[in-house]
Protein backbone atom coordinates (compact mmCIF):
# COMPACT_ATOMS: atom_id res chain seq x y z
CA UNK A 1 -24.25 -4.75 12.52
CA UNK A 2 -27.55 -3.81 10.86
CA UNK A 3 -29.90 -6.25 9.12
CA UNK A 4 -32.84 -5.79 6.75
CA UNK A 5 -36.22 -7.44 7.23
CA UNK A 6 -38.75 -8.09 4.48
CA UNK A 7 -42.47 -8.78 4.57
CA UNK A 8 -43.15 -12.56 4.65
CA UNK A 9 -46.28 -12.03 2.53
CA UNK A 10 -45.24 -9.70 -0.33
CA UNK A 11 -41.43 -9.40 0.02
CA UNK A 12 -41.34 -5.59 0.52
CA UNK A 13 -38.28 -4.35 2.46
CA UNK A 14 -39.67 -3.23 5.84
CA UNK A 15 -36.88 -2.02 8.08
CA UNK A 16 -33.20 -1.95 8.96
CA UNK A 17 -32.34 -2.84 12.58
CA UNK A 18 -29.65 -4.26 14.85
CA UNK A 19 -29.34 -7.34 17.07
CA UNK A 20 -31.84 -7.52 19.92
CA UNK A 21 -34.57 -5.69 18.00
CA UNK A 22 -38.22 -6.70 18.25
CA UNK A 23 -40.40 -4.65 15.91
CA UNK A 24 -44.14 -4.82 15.30
CA UNK A 25 -45.36 -2.98 12.24
CA UNK A 26 -47.72 -3.00 9.29
CA UNK A 27 -46.36 -3.59 5.80
CA UNK A 28 -46.93 -0.42 3.76
CA UNK A 29 -47.40 -2.50 0.61
CA UNK A 30 -49.89 -5.26 1.58
CA UNK A 31 -51.05 -3.90 4.99
CA UNK A 32 -50.22 -7.19 6.77
CA UNK A 33 -49.34 -7.00 10.50
CA UNK A 34 -45.73 -8.23 10.83
CA UNK A 35 -43.48 -9.01 13.80
CA UNK A 36 -39.73 -8.76 13.13
CA UNK A 37 -37.18 -10.26 15.53
CA UNK A 38 -33.39 -9.96 15.16
CA UNK A 39 -31.07 -12.10 17.30
CA UNK A 40 -27.47 -13.25 16.73
CA UNK A 41 -27.34 -12.89 12.94
CA UNK A 42 -30.88 -14.29 12.54
CA UNK A 43 -33.68 -12.18 11.11
CA UNK A 44 -37.19 -13.58 11.41
CA UNK A 45 -40.32 -11.88 10.13
CA UNK A 46 -43.73 -13.42 10.65
CA UNK A 47 -47.24 -12.35 9.89
CA UNK A 48 -49.28 -11.92 13.05
CA UNK A 49 -53.01 -11.67 13.59
CA UNK A 50 -52.86 -8.20 15.12
CA UNK A 51 -50.39 -5.72 16.53
CA UNK A 52 -50.00 -5.13 20.26
CA UNK A 53 -51.37 -1.85 21.57
CA UNK A 54 -50.26 0.08 24.63
CA UNK A 55 -52.82 0.87 27.31
CA UNK A 56 -53.27 4.58 28.02
């Protein structure tokens, strides 16, 4: 099943994803860094101080 996540700051729809997803992204509307987690029919979106970056 797919679920929708919205920005916790401005309410903009951010993404559609399935169970077990962990997504870090920036809201295109308010530019807030957001972490989205989807587990067993629970969608949680929280503002975070900064996004993780991969080392090269």
